[in-house]
Amino acid sequence: MKQTQTATPGKATLYYDACCPLCIREIERLERLKSDELELVDIHCMPATADLPDRDILLRNLHLRLPDGRLLTGVDANVAAWQYTAYGWWFRWMSWPLVRRITDRAYHRWARWRYERLYRRRCDTCSEC
């Protein structure tokens, strides 16, 4: 899988956790389907930067930096990332107002469980960059 260590200005950048098996499966799928306007950056392989939250915050939820500089998190980041593929329309339902409360709640519960499972015991050796 192609990995970039830093974001390219003018492109959207999805920051993902390469130590999460489910995240890796989705990123592999996204890598095959995405346009060149979306970059994928492994959180474990990037230097700390002042314009992003710290690594621990990035690991707790999915983050996507839009080309205009706005930072989306969670369900918003996931839906926006898939808009850079031909299948983006399929993910938009997760943002519909009536469904949104459920998808947000489900995502936050899953993200909290995933973070606790993977990072309860600190392990900084799970990624080779």
N, C-alpha and C. Protein backbone atom coordinates (compact mmCIF):
# COMPACT_ATOMS: atom_id res chain seq x y z
N MET A 1 0.84 -1.17 0.00
CA MET A 1 0.00 0.00 0.00
C MET A 1 0.88 1.24 0.00
N LYS A 2 0.54 2.19 -0.84
CA LYS A 2 1.28 3.44 -0.92
C LYS A 2 1.06 4.25 0.35
N GLN A 3 2.15 4.72 0.95
CA GLN A 3 2.02 5.53 2.15
C GLN A 3 2.73 6.85 1.94
N THR A 4 2.12 7.89 2.42
CA THR A 4 2.69 9.22 2.38
C THR A 4 2.93 9.65 3.82
N GLN A 5 4.03 10.28 4.09
CA GLN A 5 4.30 10.69 5.47
C GLN A 5 3.74 12.08 5.76
N THR A 6 3.61 12.92 4.78
CA THR A 6 3.05 14.25 5.01
C THR A 6 2.00 14.54 3.95
N ALA A 7 1.15 15.49 4.25
CA ALA A 7 0.06 15.84 3.34
C ALA A 7 0.56 16.78 2.25
N THR A 8 -0.09 16.73 1.11
CA THR A 8 0.21 17.62 0.00
C THR A 8 -0.82 18.73 -0.02
N PRO A 9 -0.38 20.00 0.01
CA PRO A 9 -1.35 21.10 -0.04
C PRO A 9 -2.23 21.00 -1.28
N GLY A 10 -3.51 21.35 -1.12
CA GLY A 10 -4.44 21.33 -2.24
C GLY A 10 -5.14 20.00 -2.44
N LYS A 11 -4.78 19.00 -1.65
CA LYS A 11 -5.43 17.69 -1.74
C LYS A 11 -6.08 17.39 -0.39
N ALA A 12 -7.09 16.55 -0.41
CA ALA A 12 -7.67 16.06 0.83
C ALA A 12 -6.75 14.99 1.38
N THR A 13 -6.65 14.91 2.70
CA THR A 13 -5.78 13.94 3.34
C THR A 13 -6.54 13.20 4.43
N LEU A 14 -6.56 11.88 4.31
CA LEU A 14 -7.19 11.04 5.31
C LEU A 14 -6.09 10.46 6.19
N TYR A 15 -6.19 10.68 7.49
CA TYR A 15 -5.22 10.18 8.45
C TYR A 15 -5.79 8.90 9.06
N TYR A 16 -5.09 7.79 8.90
CA TYR A 16 -5.62 6.51 9.34
C TYR A 16 -4.63 5.78 10.25
N ASP A 17 -5.13 4.80 10.97
CA ASP A 17 -4.36 4.00 11.91
C ASP A 17 -3.98 2.67 11.27
N ALA A 18 -2.73 2.52 10.91
CA ALA A 18 -2.25 1.30 10.26
C ALA A 18 -2.09 0.14 11.23
N CYS A 19 -2.39 0.34 12.51
CA CYS A 19 -2.33 -0.75 13.48
C CYS A 19 -3.71 -1.38 13.70
N CYS A 20 -4.71 -0.87 13.04
CA CYS A 20 -6.08 -1.35 13.19
C CYS A 20 -6.44 -2.22 11.99
N PRO A 21 -6.71 -3.51 12.21
CA PRO A 21 -7.02 -4.40 11.09
C PRO A 21 -8.23 -3.96 10.27
N LEU A 22 -9.29 -3.52 10.91
CA LEU A 22 -10.47 -3.06 10.17
C LEU A 22 -10.14 -1.80 9.36
N CYS A 23 -9.39 -0.89 9.97
CA CYS A 23 -8.99 0.35 9.27
C CYS A 23 -8.16 0.00 8.03
N ILE A 24 -7.26 -0.93 8.16
CA ILE A 24 -6.40 -1.33 7.04
C ILE A 24 -7.23 -1.89 5.90
N ARG A 25 -8.23 -2.72 6.21
CA ARG A 25 -9.08 -3.27 5.14
C ARG A 25 -9.82 -2.16 4.40
N GLU A 26 -10.34 -1.20 5.14
CA GLU A 26 -11.06 -0.10 4.47
C GLU A 26 -10.09 0.77 3.68
N ILE A 27 -8.91 1.03 4.21
CA ILE A 27 -7.92 1.85 3.50
C ILE A 27 -7.45 1.14 2.23
N GLU A 28 -7.27 -0.16 2.28
CA GLU A 28 -6.87 -0.90 1.08
C GLU A 28 -7.94 -0.77 0.00
N ARG A 29 -9.18 -0.87 0.39
CA ARG A 29 -10.29 -0.70 -0.56
C ARG A 29 -10.31 0.73 -1.11
N LEU A 30 -10.19 1.69 -0.22
CA LEU A 30 -10.19 3.10 -0.61
C LEU A 30 -9.01 3.41 -1.53
N GLU A 31 -7.85 2.84 -1.24
CA GLU A 31 -6.65 3.06 -2.07
C GLU A 31 -6.89 2.63 -3.51
N ARG A 32 -7.58 1.52 -3.70
CA ARG A 32 -7.86 1.02 -5.05
C ARG A 32 -8.87 1.89 -5.79
N LEU A 33 -9.79 2.50 -5.07
CA LEU A 33 -10.92 3.19 -5.69
C LEU A 33 -10.82 4.71 -5.74
N LYS A 34 -9.96 5.29 -4.96
CA LYS A 34 -9.92 6.75 -4.81
C LYS A 34 -9.33 7.46 -6.02
N SER A 35 -9.65 8.74 -6.11
CA SER A 35 -9.03 9.59 -7.12
C SER A 35 -7.69 10.10 -6.59
N ASP A 36 -6.94 10.76 -7.44
CA ASP A 36 -5.65 11.33 -7.04
C ASP A 36 -5.81 12.53 -6.11
N GLU A 37 -7.03 12.99 -5.91
CA GLU A 37 -7.29 14.15 -5.05
C GLU A 37 -7.32 13.80 -3.57
N LEU A 38 -7.19 12.53 -3.24
CA LEU A 38 -7.19 12.08 -1.85
C LEU A 38 -5.89 11.36 -1.55
N GLU A 39 -5.24 11.80 -0.48
CA GLU A 39 -4.03 11.13 0.00
C GLU A 39 -4.35 10.39 1.28
N LEU A 40 -3.67 9.28 1.48
CA LEU A 40 -3.84 8.47 2.67
C LEU A 40 -2.54 8.52 3.46
N VAL A 41 -2.63 8.91 4.74
CA VAL A 41 -1.44 9.07 5.56
C VAL A 41 -1.58 8.23 6.83
N ASP A 42 -0.63 7.33 7.04
CA ASP A 42 -0.58 6.53 8.26
C ASP A 42 -0.14 7.44 9.41
N ILE A 43 -0.94 7.51 10.44
CA ILE A 43 -0.66 8.37 11.59
C ILE A 43 0.68 8.01 12.22
N HIS A 44 1.03 6.73 12.21
CA HIS A 44 2.26 6.27 12.85
C HIS A 44 3.51 6.65 12.07
N CYS A 45 3.36 7.06 10.82
CA CYS A 45 4.52 7.36 9.97
C CYS A 45 4.68 8.85 9.69
N MET A 46 3.93 9.68 10.36
CA MET A 46 4.00 11.10 10.06
C MET A 46 4.62 11.87 11.23
N PRO A 47 5.32 12.93 10.92
CA PRO A 47 5.89 13.74 11.99
C PRO A 47 4.77 14.55 12.67
N ALA A 48 5.00 14.92 13.92
CA ALA A 48 4.04 15.79 14.62
C ALA A 48 4.01 17.13 13.90
N THR A 49 2.84 17.72 13.82
CA THR A 49 2.70 19.00 13.14
C THR A 49 1.75 19.89 13.92
N ALA A 50 2.00 21.17 13.90
CA ALA A 50 1.21 22.11 14.67
C ALA A 50 -0.21 22.28 14.13
N ASP A 51 -0.45 21.97 12.87
CA ASP A 51 -1.78 22.19 12.30
C ASP A 51 -2.71 20.98 12.43
N LEU A 52 -2.27 19.96 13.18
CA LEU A 52 -3.10 18.78 13.43
C LEU A 52 -3.14 18.50 14.93
N PRO A 53 -4.19 17.82 15.37
CA PRO A 53 -4.19 17.38 16.77
C PRO A 53 -3.03 16.42 17.02
N ASP A 54 -2.72 16.18 18.29
CA ASP A 54 -1.61 15.26 18.59
C ASP A 54 -1.99 13.83 18.18
N ARG A 55 -1.00 12.98 18.14
CA ARG A 55 -1.17 11.61 17.65
C ARG A 55 -2.25 10.84 18.41
N ASP A 56 -2.32 11.02 19.72
CA ASP A 56 -3.32 10.31 20.51
C ASP A 56 -4.74 10.71 20.08
N ILE A 57 -4.98 11.96 19.83
CA ILE A 57 -6.30 12.43 19.37
C ILE A 57 -6.59 11.85 17.98
N LEU A 58 -5.60 11.87 17.10
CA LEU A 58 -5.78 11.32 15.75
C LEU A 58 -6.12 9.83 15.80
N LEU A 59 -5.56 9.11 16.75
CA LEU A 59 -5.81 7.68 16.86
C LEU A 59 -7.20 7.36 17.41
N ARG A 60 -7.81 8.29 18.09
CA ARG A 60 -9.12 8.05 18.71
C ARG A 60 -10.28 8.12 17.72
N ASN A 61 -10.14 8.92 16.65
CA ASN A 61 -11.19 9.07 15.64
C ASN A 61 -10.54 9.27 14.28
N LEU A 62 -11.27 8.90 13.25
CA LEU A 62 -10.81 9.14 11.88
C LEU A 62 -10.82 10.64 11.61
N HIS A 63 -9.77 11.14 10.95
CA HIS A 63 -9.65 12.57 10.61
C HIS A 63 -9.37 12.72 9.12
N LEU A 64 -10.00 13.73 8.53
CA LEU A 64 -9.78 14.05 7.13
C LEU A 64 -9.60 15.56 7.00
N ARG A 65 -8.48 15.96 6.42
CA ARG A 65 -8.22 17.39 6.15
C ARG A 65 -8.66 17.65 4.72
N LEU A 66 -9.62 18.56 4.56
CA LEU A 66 -10.10 18.94 3.22
C LEU A 66 -9.11 19.88 2.56
N PRO A 67 -9.17 20.01 1.24
CA PRO A 67 -8.24 20.92 0.54
C PRO A 67 -8.30 22.36 1.05
N ASP A 68 -9.47 22.79 1.57
CA ASP A 68 -9.58 24.17 2.08
C ASP A 68 -9.06 24.31 3.51
N GLY A 69 -8.56 23.21 4.09
CA GLY A 69 -7.97 23.26 5.42
C GLY A 69 -8.88 22.80 6.55
N ARG A 70 -10.17 22.67 6.28
CA ARG A 70 -11.08 22.21 7.34
C ARG A 70 -10.77 20.77 7.71
N LEU A 71 -10.95 20.45 8.98
CA LEU A 71 -10.68 19.12 9.49
C LEU A 71 -12.00 18.46 9.89
N LEU A 72 -12.31 17.33 9.26
CA LEU A 72 -13.51 16.57 9.58
C LEU A 72 -13.11 15.36 10.41
N THR A 73 -14.02 14.91 11.28
CA THR A 73 -13.74 13.74 12.11
C THR A 73 -14.89 12.74 12.05
N GLY A 74 -14.59 11.51 12.46
CA GLY A 74 -15.60 10.49 12.61
C GLY A 74 -16.35 10.16 11.34
N VAL A 75 -17.69 10.11 11.47
CA VAL A 75 -18.55 9.77 10.33
C VAL A 75 -18.37 10.78 9.21
N ASP A 76 -18.26 12.07 9.55
CA ASP A 76 -18.06 13.10 8.52
C ASP A 76 -16.80 12.82 7.70
N ALA A 77 -15.73 12.43 8.38
CA ALA A 77 -14.46 12.13 7.68
C ALA A 77 -14.62 10.92 6.77
N ASN A 78 -15.30 9.90 7.26
CA ASN A 78 -15.49 8.69 6.46
C ASN A 78 -16.34 8.98 5.23
N VAL A 79 -17.46 9.64 5.41
CA VAL A 79 -18.34 9.97 4.28
C VAL A 79 -17.59 10.84 3.27
N ALA A 80 -16.87 11.85 3.75
CA ALA A 80 -16.14 12.75 2.85
C ALA A 80 -15.04 12.01 2.10
N ALA A 81 -14.34 11.10 2.76
CA ALA A 81 -13.27 10.35 2.09
C ALA A 81 -13.82 9.53 0.93
N TRP A 82 -14.97 8.91 1.12
CA TRP A 82 -15.55 8.08 0.07
C TRP A 82 -16.10 8.91 -1.08
N GLN A 83 -16.25 10.22 -0.89
CA GLN A 83 -16.70 11.08 -1.99
C GLN A 83 -15.61 11.20 -3.05
N TYR A 84 -14.40 10.79 -2.74
CA TYR A 84 -13.29 10.81 -3.70
C TYR A 84 -13.23 9.50 -4.50
N THR A 85 -14.32 8.73 -4.46
CA THR A 85 -14.43 7.50 -5.24
C THR A 85 -15.73 7.57 -6.05
N ALA A 86 -15.91 6.63 -6.94
CA ALA A 86 -17.16 6.55 -7.71
C ALA A 86 -18.31 6.04 -6.84
N TYR A 87 -18.02 5.58 -5.63
CA TYR A 87 -19.04 5.00 -4.76
C TYR A 87 -19.44 5.93 -3.62
N GLY A 88 -19.04 7.18 -3.68
CA GLY A 88 -19.34 8.12 -2.61
C GLY A 88 -20.82 8.27 -2.32
N TRP A 89 -21.64 8.17 -3.35
CA TRP A 89 -23.09 8.31 -3.17
C TRP A 89 -23.63 7.28 -2.20
N TRP A 90 -23.00 6.09 -2.14
CA TRP A 90 -23.49 5.03 -1.28
C TRP A 90 -23.31 5.36 0.21
N PHE A 91 -22.35 6.21 0.55
CA PHE A 91 -22.04 6.52 1.94
C PHE A 91 -22.80 7.75 2.46
N ARG A 92 -23.41 8.50 1.59
CA ARG A 92 -24.07 9.75 2.00
C ARG A 92 -25.22 9.53 2.97
N TRP A 93 -25.88 8.40 2.92
CA TRP A 93 -27.01 8.14 3.82
C TRP A 93 -26.60 8.26 5.28
N MET A 94 -25.32 8.03 5.59
CA MET A 94 -24.87 8.11 6.99
C MET A 94 -24.94 9.53 7.53
N SER A 95 -25.06 10.53 6.65
CA SER A 95 -25.15 11.93 7.07
C SER A 95 -26.57 12.47 7.06
N TRP A 96 -27.53 11.68 6.64
CA TRP A 96 -28.91 12.15 6.61
C TRP A 96 -29.34 12.48 8.04
N PRO A 97 -30.06 13.57 8.23
CA PRO A 97 -30.41 14.03 9.58
C PRO A 97 -31.03 12.96 10.49
N LEU A 98 -31.96 12.18 10.01
CA LEU A 98 -32.61 11.18 10.87
C LEU A 98 -31.68 10.01 11.21
N VAL A 99 -30.78 9.70 10.32
CA VAL A 99 -29.86 8.58 10.52
C VAL A 99 -28.62 9.05 11.28
N ARG A 100 -28.30 10.29 11.16
CA ARG A 100 -27.06 10.87 11.69
C ARG A 100 -26.85 10.59 13.18
N ARG A 101 -27.90 10.72 13.97
CA ARG A 101 -27.77 10.48 15.41
C ARG A 101 -27.32 9.05 15.68
N ILE A 102 -27.85 8.12 14.92
CA ILE A 102 -27.51 6.71 15.11
C ILE A 102 -26.09 6.43 14.63
N THR A 103 -25.74 6.93 13.44
CA THR A 103 -24.39 6.66 12.92
C THR A 103 -23.31 7.30 13.79
N ASP A 104 -23.57 8.52 14.26
CA ASP A 104 -22.59 9.17 15.15
C ASP A 104 -22.41 8.37 16.44
N ARG A 105 -23.51 7.99 17.04
CA ARG A 105 -23.46 7.24 18.31
C ARG A 105 -22.74 5.90 18.10
N ALA A 106 -23.10 5.19 17.04
CA ALA A 106 -22.47 3.90 16.76
C ALA A 106 -20.97 4.07 16.47
N TYR A 107 -20.63 5.09 15.68
CA TYR A 107 -19.22 5.31 15.36
C TYR A 107 -18.42 5.61 16.63
N HIS A 108 -18.92 6.50 17.48
CA HIS A 108 -18.17 6.88 18.68
C HIS A 108 -18.00 5.71 19.64
N ARG A 109 -19.01 4.87 19.76
CA ARG A 109 -18.87 3.68 20.61
C ARG A 109 -17.82 2.74 20.02
N TRP A 110 -17.88 2.51 18.70
CA TRP A 110 -16.91 1.63 18.06
C TRP A 110 -15.50 2.22 18.19
N ALA A 111 -15.35 3.51 17.94
CA ALA A 111 -14.03 4.15 17.99
C ALA A 111 -13.44 4.06 19.40
N ARG A 112 -14.26 4.27 20.40
CA ARG A 112 -13.77 4.17 21.78
C ARG A 112 -13.34 2.73 22.08
N TRP A 113 -14.15 1.73 21.68
CA TRP A 113 -13.80 0.32 21.89
C TRP A 113 -12.51 -0.03 21.15
N ARG A 114 -12.40 0.40 19.90
CA ARG A 114 -11.22 0.11 19.08
C ARG A 114 -9.97 0.70 19.71
N TYR A 115 -10.05 1.95 20.16
CA TYR A 115 -8.89 2.61 20.76
C TYR A 115 -8.47 1.87 22.04
N GLU A 116 -9.42 1.55 22.89
CA GLU A 116 -9.10 0.84 24.13
C GLU A 116 -8.47 -0.52 23.85
N ARG A 117 -9.01 -1.23 22.89
CA ARG A 117 -8.49 -2.56 22.55
C ARG A 117 -7.07 -2.48 22.02
N LEU A 118 -6.80 -1.50 21.17
CA LEU A 118 -5.47 -1.41 20.54
C LEU A 118 -4.44 -0.67 21.38
N TYR A 119 -4.86 0.29 22.18
CA TYR A 119 -3.89 1.19 22.83
C TYR A 119 -3.98 1.21 24.34
N ARG A 120 -4.72 0.28 24.92
CA ARG A 120 -4.77 0.21 26.39
C ARG A 120 -3.35 0.04 26.93
N ARG A 121 -2.59 -0.84 26.27
CA ARG A 121 -1.17 -1.01 26.59
C ARG A 121 -0.41 -0.35 25.46
N ARG A 122 0.35 0.66 25.76
CA ARG A 122 1.09 1.41 24.75
C ARG A 122 2.01 0.51 23.94
N CYS A 123 1.87 0.57 22.63
CA CYS A 123 2.74 -0.20 21.74
C CYS A 123 3.06 0.68 20.54
N ASP A 124 4.25 1.19 20.48
CA ASP A 124 4.64 2.06 19.38
C ASP A 124 5.38 1.29 18.29
N THR A 125 5.37 -0.03 18.35
CA THR A 125 6.12 -0.81 17.38
C THR A 125 5.23 -1.49 16.35
N CYS A 126 3.95 -1.14 16.30
CA CYS A 126 3.03 -1.87 15.42
C CYS A 126 3.16 -1.45 13.98
N SER A 127 3.83 -0.39 13.65
CA SER A 127 3.95 0.06 12.27
C SER A 127 5.42 0.23 11.90
N GLU A 128 5.74 -0.22 10.73
CA GLU A 128 7.11 -0.06 10.23
C GLU A 128 7.12 1.00 9.15
N CYS A 129 7.68 2.13 9.45
CA CYS A 129 7.71 3.24 8.49
C CYS A 129 9.12 3.51 8.02
